[in-house]
Amino acid sequence: MPSVHSSQVADLGERAFTAFDPDEFKVAGKRIRVFAVVVFDGNLLLNLRVTVSDRHADMPWPDGQVDAAYAVLTQTVRTAWQRLV
């Protein structure tokens, strides 16, 4: 998937990263965008995925909106991770 944008998340588990695939798949003519935050640590794995059906499939997500979405998802994962470890 060459369109996947990913980056590492600091200070969360042994390894953590975010991924955004703006072109993952289409359902009934609507493009489904996928945001994910994944954390690995020892034998624990936390994978949070959010799918969004775009009304305007031909319009890319502006970087600011992608960053804002990840800020919320990453905070959700950090809060959940504290409950797991």
PDB file of N, CA and C in Angstrom:
ATOM      1  N   MET A   1       0.827  -1.185   0.000  1.00  0.00           N
ATOM      2  CA  MET A   1       0.000   0.000   0.000  1.00  0.00           C
ATOM      3  C   MET A   1       0.873   1.250   0.000  1.00  0.00           C
ATOM      4  N   PRO A   2       1.264   1.759  -1.090  1.00  0.00           N
ATOM      5  CA  PRO A   2       2.160   2.904  -1.127  1.00  0.00           C
ATOM      6  C   PRO A   2       1.541   4.182  -0.609  1.00  0.00           C
ATOM      7  N   SER A   3       0.225   4.260  -0.505  1.00  0.00           N
ATOM      8  CA  SER A   3      -0.392   5.504  -0.048  1.00  0.00           C
ATOM      9  C   SER A   3      -0.457   5.613   1.467  1.00  0.00           C
ATOM     10  N   VAL A   4      -0.012   4.592   2.205  1.00  0.00           N
ATOM     11  CA  VAL A   4      -0.089   4.616   3.662  1.00  0.00           C
ATOM     12  C   VAL A   4       0.927   5.609   4.208  1.00  0.00           C
ATOM     13  N   HIS A   5       0.445   6.465   5.099  1.00  0.00           N
ATOM     14  CA  HIS A   5       1.314   7.415   5.790  1.00  0.00           C
ATOM     15  C   HIS A   5       1.440   6.919   7.222  1.00  0.00           C
ATOM     16  N   SER A   6       2.655   6.698   7.699  1.00  0.00           N
ATOM     17  CA  SER A   6       2.807   6.219   9.058  1.00  0.00           C
ATOM     18  C   SER A   6       3.944   6.952   9.750  1.00  0.00           C
ATOM     19  N   SER A   7       3.887   6.953  11.080  1.00  0.00           N
ATOM     20  CA  SER A   7       4.950   7.555  11.868  1.00  0.00           C
ATOM     21  C   SER A   7       4.974   6.892  13.231  1.00  0.00           C
ATOM     22  N   GLN A   8       6.126   6.957  13.876  1.00  0.00           N
ATOM     23  CA  GLN A   8       6.264   6.362  15.194  1.00  0.00           C
ATOM     24  C   GLN A   8       5.709   7.315  16.244  1.00  0.00           C
ATOM     25  N   VAL A   9       5.232   6.731  17.350  1.00  0.00           N
ATOM     26  CA  VAL A   9       4.729   7.503  18.482  1.00  0.00           C
ATOM     27  C   VAL A   9       5.718   7.313  19.624  1.00  0.00           C
ATOM     28  N   ALA A  10       6.221   8.400  20.166  1.00  0.00           N
ATOM     29  CA  ALA A  10       7.221   8.334  21.227  1.00  0.00           C
ATOM     30  C   ALA A  10       6.572   8.056  22.583  1.00  0.00           C
ATOM     31  N   ASP A  11       7.353   7.429  23.459  1.00  0.00           N
ATOM     32  CA  ASP A  11       6.969   7.226  24.861  1.00  0.00           C
ATOM     33  C   ASP A  11       5.680   6.446  25.035  1.00  0.00           C
ATOM     34  N   LEU A  12       5.485   5.426  24.215  1.00  0.00           N
ATOM     35  CA  LEU A  12       4.291   4.597  24.333  1.00  0.00           C
ATOM     36  C   LEU A  12       4.661   3.156  24.011  1.00  0.00           C
ATOM     37  N   GLY A  13       4.774   2.314  25.026  1.00  0.00           N
ATOM     38  CA  GLY A  13       5.136   0.925  24.825  1.00  0.00           C
ATOM     39  C   GLY A  13       6.537   0.780  24.264  1.00  0.00           C
ATOM     40  N   GLU A  14       6.878  -0.460  23.883  1.00  0.00           N
ATOM     41  CA  GLU A  14       8.179  -0.699  23.253  1.00  0.00           C
ATOM     42  C   GLU A  14       8.217  -0.075  21.862  1.00  0.00           C
ATOM     43  N   ARG A  15       7.118  -0.256  21.135  1.00  0.00           N
ATOM     44  CA  ARG A  15       6.991   0.326  19.794  1.00  0.00           C
ATOM     45  C   ARG A  15       5.551   0.764  19.606  1.00  0.00           C
ATOM     46  N   ALA A  16       5.391   1.917  19.010  1.00  0.00           N
ATOM     47  CA  ALA A  16       4.048   2.402  18.712  1.00  0.00           C
ATOM     48  C   ALA A  16       4.114   3.225  17.437  1.00  0.00           C
ATOM     49  N   PHE A  17       3.063   3.124  16.637  1.00  0.00           N
ATOM     50  CA  PHE A  17       3.036   3.929  15.423  1.00  0.00           C
ATOM     51  C   PHE A  17       1.600   4.225  15.012  1.00  0.00           C
ATOM     52  N   THR A  18       1.467   5.223  14.180  1.00  0.00           N
ATOM     53  CA  THR A  18       0.186   5.583  13.591  1.00  0.00           C
ATOM     54  C   THR A  18       0.240   5.260  12.112  1.00  0.00           C
ATOM     55  N   ALA A  19      -0.907   5.041  11.529  1.00  0.00           N
ATOM     56  CA  ALA A  19      -0.974   4.795  10.084  1.00  0.00           C
ATOM     57  C   ALA A  19      -2.276   5.368   9.548  1.00  0.00           C
ATOM     58  N   PHE A  20      -2.204   5.932   8.363  1.00  0.00           N
ATOM     59  CA  PHE A  20      -3.370   6.502   7.692  1.00  0.00           C
ATOM     60  C   PHE A  20      -3.318   6.058   6.249  1.00  0.00           C
ATOM     61  N   ASP A  21      -4.363   5.395   5.806  1.00  0.00           N
ATOM     62  CA  ASP A  21      -4.442   4.976   4.407  1.00  0.00           C
ATOM     63  C   ASP A  21      -5.610   5.702   3.763  1.00  0.00           C
ATOM     64  N   PRO A  22      -5.340   6.748   2.989  1.00  0.00           N
ATOM     65  CA  PRO A  22      -6.418   7.529   2.394  1.00  0.00           C
ATOM     66  C   PRO A  22      -7.123   6.832   1.246  1.00  0.00           C
ATOM     67  N   ASP A  23      -6.594   5.719   0.774  1.00  0.00           N
ATOM     68  CA  ASP A  23      -7.168   5.044  -0.392  1.00  0.00           C
ATOM     69  C   ASP A  23      -7.407   3.564  -0.146  1.00  0.00           C
ATOM     70  N   GLU A  24      -7.689   3.171   1.100  1.00  0.00           N
ATOM     71  CA  GLU A  24      -7.706   1.743   1.392  1.00  0.00           C
ATOM     72  C   GLU A  24      -8.732   0.986   0.573  1.00  0.00           C
ATOM     73  N   PHE A  25      -9.979   1.402   0.561  1.00  0.00           N
ATOM     74  CA  PHE A  25     -10.973   0.678  -0.218  1.00  0.00           C
ATOM     75  C   PHE A  25     -12.220   1.527  -0.412  1.00  0.00           C
ATOM     76  N   LYS A  26     -13.086   1.068  -1.287  1.00  0.00           N
ATOM     77  CA  LYS A  26     -14.353   1.750  -1.543  1.00  0.00           C
ATOM     78  C   LYS A  26     -15.491   0.772  -1.297  1.00  0.00           C
ATOM     79  N   VAL A  27     -16.574   1.292  -0.763  1.00  0.00           N
ATOM     80  CA  VAL A  27     -17.788   0.513  -0.537  1.00  0.00           C
ATOM     81  C   VAL A  27     -18.937   1.312  -1.116  1.00  0.00           C
ATOM     82  N   ALA A  28     -19.670   0.702  -2.044  1.00  0.00           N
ATOM     83  CA  ALA A  28     -20.821   1.351  -2.675  1.00  0.00           C
ATOM     84  C   ALA A  28     -20.456   2.743  -3.209  1.00  0.00           C
ATOM     85  N   GLY A  29     -19.264   2.844  -3.798  1.00  0.00           N
ATOM     86  CA  GLY A  29     -18.837   4.100  -4.392  1.00  0.00           C
ATOM     87  C   GLY A  29     -18.290   5.122  -3.420  1.00  0.00           C
ATOM     88  N   LYS A  30     -18.296   4.828  -2.117  1.00  0.00           N
ATOM     89  CA  LYS A  30     -17.747   5.750  -1.123  1.00  0.00           C
ATOM     90  C   LYS A  30     -16.371   5.262  -0.691  1.00  0.00           C
ATOM     91  N   ARG A  31     -15.442   6.189  -0.610  1.00  0.00           N
ATOM     92  CA  ARG A  31     -14.089   5.830  -0.178  1.00  0.00           C
ATOM     93  C   ARG A  31     -14.063   5.730   1.344  1.00  0.00           C
ATOM     94  N   ILE A  32     -13.469   4.660   1.829  1.00  0.00           N
ATOM     95  CA  ILE A  32     -13.322   4.440   3.259  1.00  0.00           C
ATOM     96  C   ILE A  32     -11.886   4.765   3.646  1.00  0.00           C
ATOM     97  N   ARG A  33     -11.724   5.730   4.521  1.00  0.00           N
ATOM     98  CA  ARG A  33     -10.387   6.116   5.006  1.00  0.00           C
ATOM     99  C   ARG A  33     -10.162   5.419   6.343  1.00  0.00           C
ATOM    100  N   VAL A  34      -8.946   4.963   6.586  1.00  0.00           N
ATOM    101  CA  VAL A  34      -8.644   4.230   7.808  1.00  0.00           C
ATOM    102  C   VAL A  34      -7.528   4.933   8.574  1.00  0.00           C
ATOM    103  N   PHE A  35      -7.793   5.226   9.845  1.00  0.00           N
ATOM    104  CA  PHE A  35      -6.797   5.744  10.772  1.00  0.00           C
ATOM    105  C   PHE A  35      -6.506   4.637  11.765  1.00  0.00           C
ATOM    106  N   ALA A  36      -5.242   4.447  12.135  1.00  0.00           N
ATOM    107  CA  ALA A  36      -4.901   3.407  13.107  1.00  0.00           C
ATOM    108  C   ALA A  36      -3.765   3.880  14.005  1.00  0.00           C
ATOM    109  N   VAL A  37      -3.834   3.437  15.256  1.00  0.00           N
ATOM    110  CA  VAL A  37      -2.736   3.605  16.202  1.00  0.00           C
ATOM    111  C   VAL A  37      -2.495   2.224  16.791  1.00  0.00           C
ATOM    112  N   VAL A  38      -1.246   1.751  16.735  1.00  0.00           N
ATOM    113  CA  VAL A  38      -0.899   0.412  17.200  1.00  0.00           C
ATOM    114  C   VAL A  38       0.250   0.516  18.193  1.00  0.00           C
ATOM    115  N   VAL A  39       0.116  -0.227  19.311  1.00  0.00           N
ATOM    116  CA  VAL A  39       1.157  -0.249  20.341  1.00  0.00           C
ATOM    117  C   VAL A  39       1.530  -1.700  20.636  1.00  0.00           C
ATOM    118  N   PHE A  40       2.841  -1.973  20.684  1.00  0.00           N
ATOM    119  CA  PHE A  40       3.368  -3.288  21.059  1.00  0.00           C
ATOM    120  C   PHE A  40       4.199  -3.116  22.329  1.00  0.00           C
ATOM    121  N   ASP A  41       4.052  -4.035  23.256  1.00  0.00           N
ATOM    122  CA  ASP A  41       4.915  -4.037  24.436  1.00  0.00           C
ATOM    123  C   ASP A  41       4.842  -5.418  25.067  1.00  0.00           C
ATOM    124  N   GLY A  42       5.967  -6.150  25.031  1.00  0.00           N
ATOM    125  CA  GLY A  42       5.976  -7.500  25.579  1.00  0.00           C
ATOM    126  C   GLY A  42       4.940  -8.362  24.885  1.00  0.00           C
ATOM    127  N   ASN A  43       3.995  -8.872  25.654  1.00  0.00           N
ATOM    128  CA  ASN A  43       2.951  -9.703  25.069  1.00  0.00           C
ATOM    129  C   ASN A  43       1.641  -8.938  24.865  1.00  0.00           C
ATOM    130  N   LEU A  44       1.672  -7.629  24.996  1.00  0.00           N
ATOM    131  CA  LEU A  44       0.472  -6.810  24.798  1.00  0.00           C
ATOM    132  C   LEU A  44       0.472  -6.154  23.421  1.00  0.00           C
ATOM    133  N   LEU A  45      -0.695  -6.116  22.835  1.00  0.00           N
ATOM    134  CA  LEU A  45      -0.905  -5.430  21.554  1.00  0.00           C
ATOM    135  C   LEU A  45      -2.198  -4.649  21.679  1.00  0.00           C
ATOM    136  N   LEU A  46      -2.149  -3.373  21.380  1.00  0.00           N
ATOM    137  CA  LEU A  46      -3.345  -2.529  21.357  1.00  0.00           C
ATOM    138  C   LEU A  46      -3.435  -1.926  19.971  1.00  0.00           C
ATOM    139  N   ASN A  47      -4.539  -2.182  19.292  1.00  0.00           N
ATOM    140  CA  ASN A  47      -4.730  -1.725  17.915  1.00  0.00           C
ATOM    141  C   ASN A  47      -6.056  -0.980  17.849  1.00  0.00           C
ATOM    142  N   LEU A  48      -5.994   0.328  17.657  1.00  0.00           N
ATOM    143  CA  LEU A  48      -7.193   1.153  17.537  1.00  0.00           C
ATOM    144  C   LEU A  48      -7.321   1.599  16.093  1.00  0.00           C
ATOM    145  N   ARG A  49      -8.422   1.204  15.447  1.00  0.00           N
ATOM    146  CA  ARG A  49      -8.671   1.577  14.045  1.00  0.00           C
ATOM    147  C   ARG A  49     -10.003   2.308  13.960  1.00  0.00           C
ATOM    148  N   VAL A  50     -10.006   3.382  13.220  1.00  0.00           N
ATOM    149  CA  VAL A  50     -11.233   4.131  12.971  1.00  0.00           C
ATOM    150  C   VAL A  50     -11.393   4.248  11.466  1.00  0.00           C
ATOM    151  N   THR A  51     -12.551   3.874  10.963  1.00  0.00           N
ATOM    152  CA  THR A  51     -12.828   4.010   9.535  1.00  0.00           C
ATOM    153  C   THR A  51     -13.821   5.141   9.330  1.00  0.00           C
ATOM    154  N   VAL A  52     -13.581   5.901   8.303  1.00  0.00           N
ATOM    155  CA  VAL A  52     -14.416   7.061   7.995  1.00  0.00           C
ATOM    156  C   VAL A  52     -14.851   6.974   6.543  1.00  0.00           C
ATOM    157  N   SER A  53     -16.142   7.043   6.316  1.00  0.00           N
ATOM    158  CA  SER A  53     -16.682   7.078   4.958  1.00  0.00           C
ATOM    159  C   SER A  53     -16.760   8.536   4.523  1.00  0.00           C
ATOM    160  N   ASP A  54     -16.022   8.854   3.471  1.00  0.00           N
ATOM    161  CA  ASP A  54     -15.987  10.243   2.986  1.00  0.00           C
ATOM    162  C   ASP A  54     -17.146  10.546   2.059  1.00  0.00           C
ATOM    163  N   ARG A  55     -17.810  11.642   2.309  1.00  0.00           N
ATOM    164  CA  ARG A  55     -18.861  12.101   1.415  1.00  0.00           C
ATOM    165  C   ARG A  55     -18.256  12.547   0.089  1.00  0.00           C
ATOM    166  N   HIS A  56     -17.075  13.158   0.159  1.00  0.00           N
ATOM    167  CA  HIS A  56     -16.389  13.650  -1.041  1.00  0.00           C
ATOM    168  C   HIS A  56     -15.106  12.850  -1.231  1.00  0.00           C
ATOM    169  N   ALA A  57     -15.232  11.706  -1.869  1.00  0.00           N
ATOM    170  CA  ALA A  57     -14.102  10.786  -1.997  1.00  0.00           C
ATOM    171  C   ALA A  57     -12.939  11.367  -2.793  1.00  0.00           C
ATOM    172  N   ASP A  58     -13.193  12.343  -3.636  1.00  0.00           N
ATOM    173  CA  ASP A  58     -12.119  12.894  -4.467  1.00  0.00           C
ATOM    174  C   ASP A  58     -11.330  13.994  -3.752  1.00  0.00           C
ATOM    175  N   MET A  59     -11.740  14.389  -2.547  1.00  0.00           N
ATOM    176  CA  MET A  59     -11.048  15.445  -1.813  1.00  0.00           C
ATOM    177  C   MET A  59     -10.087  14.833  -0.799  1.00  0.00           C
ATOM    178  N   PRO A  60      -8.805  15.169  -0.870  1.00  0.00           N
ATOM    179  CA  PRO A  60      -7.863  14.625   0.114  1.00  0.00           C
ATOM    180  C   PRO A  60      -8.086  15.249   1.495  1.00  0.00           C
ATOM    181  N   TRP A  61      -7.659  14.543   2.527  1.00  0.00           N
ATOM    182  CA  TRP A  61      -7.710  15.088   3.884  1.00  0.00           C
ATOM    183  C   TRP A  61      -6.555  16.070   4.042  1.00  0.00           C
ATOM    184  N   PRO A  62      -6.819  17.300   4.453  1.00  0.00           N
ATOM    185  CA  PRO A  62      -5.721  18.242   4.722  1.00  0.00           C
ATOM    186  C   PRO A  62      -4.869  17.732   5.889  1.00  0.00           C
ATOM    187  N   ASP A  63      -3.579  18.028   5.850  1.00  0.00           N
ATOM    188  CA  ASP A  63      -2.668  17.571   6.899  1.00  0.00           C
ATOM    189  C   ASP A  63      -3.151  17.968   8.288  1.00  0.00           C
ATOM    190  N   GLY A  64      -3.698  19.157   8.431  1.00  0.00           N
ATOM    191  CA  GLY A  64      -4.177  19.616   9.733  1.00  0.00           C
ATOM    192  C   GLY A  64      -5.286  18.746  10.285  1.00  0.00           C
ATOM    193  N   GLN A  65      -6.178  18.282   9.423  1.00  0.00           N
ATOM    194  CA  GLN A  65      -7.253  17.403   9.878  1.00  0.00           C
ATOM    195  C   GLN A  65      -6.723  16.027  10.254  1.00  0.00           C
ATOM    196  N   VAL A  66      -5.777  15.521   9.476  1.00  0.00           N
ATOM    197  CA  VAL A  66      -5.161  14.229   9.803  1.00  0.00           C
ATOM    198  C   VAL A  66      -4.444  14.339  11.144  1.00  0.00           C
ATOM    199  N   ASP A  67      -3.691  15.409  11.359  1.00  0.00           N
ATOM    200  CA  ASP A  67      -2.974  15.604  12.623  1.00  0.00           C
ATOM    201  C   ASP A  67      -3.941  15.695  13.800  1.00  0.00           C
ATOM    202  N   ALA A  68      -5.050  16.403  13.627  1.00  0.00           N
ATOM    203  CA  ALA A  68      -6.037  16.539  14.701  1.00  0.00           C
ATOM    204  C   ALA A  68      -6.669  15.193  15.034  1.00  0.00           C
ATOM    205  N   ALA A  69      -6.971  14.408  14.020  1.00  0.00           N
ATOM    206  CA  ALA A  69      -7.545  13.080  14.255  1.00  0.00           C
ATOM    207  C   ALA A  69      -6.566  12.213  15.032  1.00  0.00           C
ATOM    208  N   TYR A  70      -5.285  12.247  14.673  1.00  0.00           N
ATOM    209  CA  TYR A  70      -4.300  11.448  15.382  1.00  0.00           C
ATOM    210  C   TYR A  70      -4.074  11.916  16.803  1.00  0.00           C
ATOM    211  N   ALA A  71      -4.187  13.199  17.053  1.00  0.00           N
ATOM    212  CA  ALA A  71      -4.030  13.699  18.423  1.00  0.00           C
ATOM    213  C   ALA A  71      -5.081  13.060  19.335  1.00  0.00           C
ATOM    214  N   VAL A  72      -6.305  12.977  18.852  1.00  0.00           N
ATOM    215  CA  VAL A  72      -7.384  12.373  19.637  1.00  0.00           C
ATOM    216  C   VAL A  72      -7.175  10.867  19.782  1.00  0.00           C
ATOM    217  N   LEU A  73      -6.859  10.182  18.689  1.00  0.00           N
ATOM    218  CA  LEU A  73      -6.657   8.740  18.743  1.00  0.00           C
ATOM    219  C   LEU A  73      -5.469   8.368  19.632  1.00  0.00           C
ATOM    220  N   THR A  74      -4.399   9.115  19.525  1.00  0.00           N
ATOM    221  CA  THR A  74      -3.218   8.821  20.332  1.00  0.00           C
ATOM    222  C   THR A  74      -3.503   9.034  21.811  1.00  0.00           C
ATOM    223  N   GLN A  75      -4.253  10.074  22.150  1.00  0.00           N
ATOM    224  CA  GLN A  75      -4.613  10.292  23.544  1.00  0.00           C
ATOM    225  C   GLN A  75      -5.504   9.160  24.055  1.00  0.00           C
ATOM    226  N   THR A  76      -6.412   8.680  23.226  1.00  0.00           N
ATOM    227  CA  THR A  76      -7.267   7.549  23.596  1.00  0.00           C
ATOM    228  C   THR A  76      -6.421   6.311  23.868  1.00  0.00           C
ATOM    229  N   VAL A  77      -5.448   6.040  23.007  1.00  0.00           N
ATOM    230  CA  VAL A  77      -4.577   4.886  23.194  1.00  0.00           C
ATOM    231  C   VAL A  77      -3.735   5.043  24.454  1.00  0.00           C
ATOM    232  N   ARG A  78      -3.197   6.231  24.694  1.00  0.00           N
ATOM    233  CA  ARG A  78      -2.389   6.443  25.901  1.00  0.00           C
ATOM    234  C   ARG A  78      -3.218   6.179  27.160  1.00  0.00           C
ATOM    235  N   THR A  79      -4.446   6.651  27.180  1.00  0.00           N
ATOM    236  CA  THR A  79      -5.321   6.439  28.333  1.00  0.00           C
ATOM    237  C   THR A  79      -5.639   4.959  28.506  1.00  0.00           C
ATOM    238  N   ALA A  80      -5.967   4.285  27.429  1.00  0.00           N
ATOM    239  CA  ALA A  80      -6.273   2.845  27.494  1.00  0.00           C
ATOM    240  C   ALA A  80      -5.031   2.059  27.909  1.00  0.00           C
ATOM    241  N   TRP A  81      -3.861   2.443  27.408  1.00  0.00           N
ATOM    242  CA  TRP A  81      -2.619   1.722  27.700  1.00  0.00           C
ATOM    243  C   TRP A  81      -2.316   1.763  29.190  1.00  0.00           C
ATOM    244  N   GLN A  82      -2.576   2.892  29.830  1.00  0.00           N
ATOM    245  CA  GLN A  82      -2.348   3.015  31.273  1.00  0.00           C
ATOM    246  C   GLN A  82      -3.203   2.017  32.047  1.00  0.00           C
ATOM    247  N   ARG A  83      -4.360   1.679  31.546  1.00  0.00           N
ATOM    248  CA  ARG A  83      -5.242   0.718  32.217  1.00  0.00           C
ATOM    249  C   ARG A  83      -4.770  -0.725  31.989  1.00  0.00           C
ATOM    250  N   LEU A  84      -4.029  -0.952  30.905  1.00  0.00           N
ATOM    251  CA  LEU A  84      -3.586  -2.310  30.575  1.00  0.00           C
ATOM    252  C   LEU A  84      -2.291  -2.708  31.287  1.00  0.00           C
ATOM    253  N   VAL A  85      -1.409  -1.748  31.522  1.00  0.00           N
ATOM    254  CA  VAL A  85      -0.099  -2.113  32.084  1.00  0.00           C
ATOM    255  C   VAL A  85      -0.013  -1.800  33.569  1.00  0.00           C
TER     256      VAL A  85
END
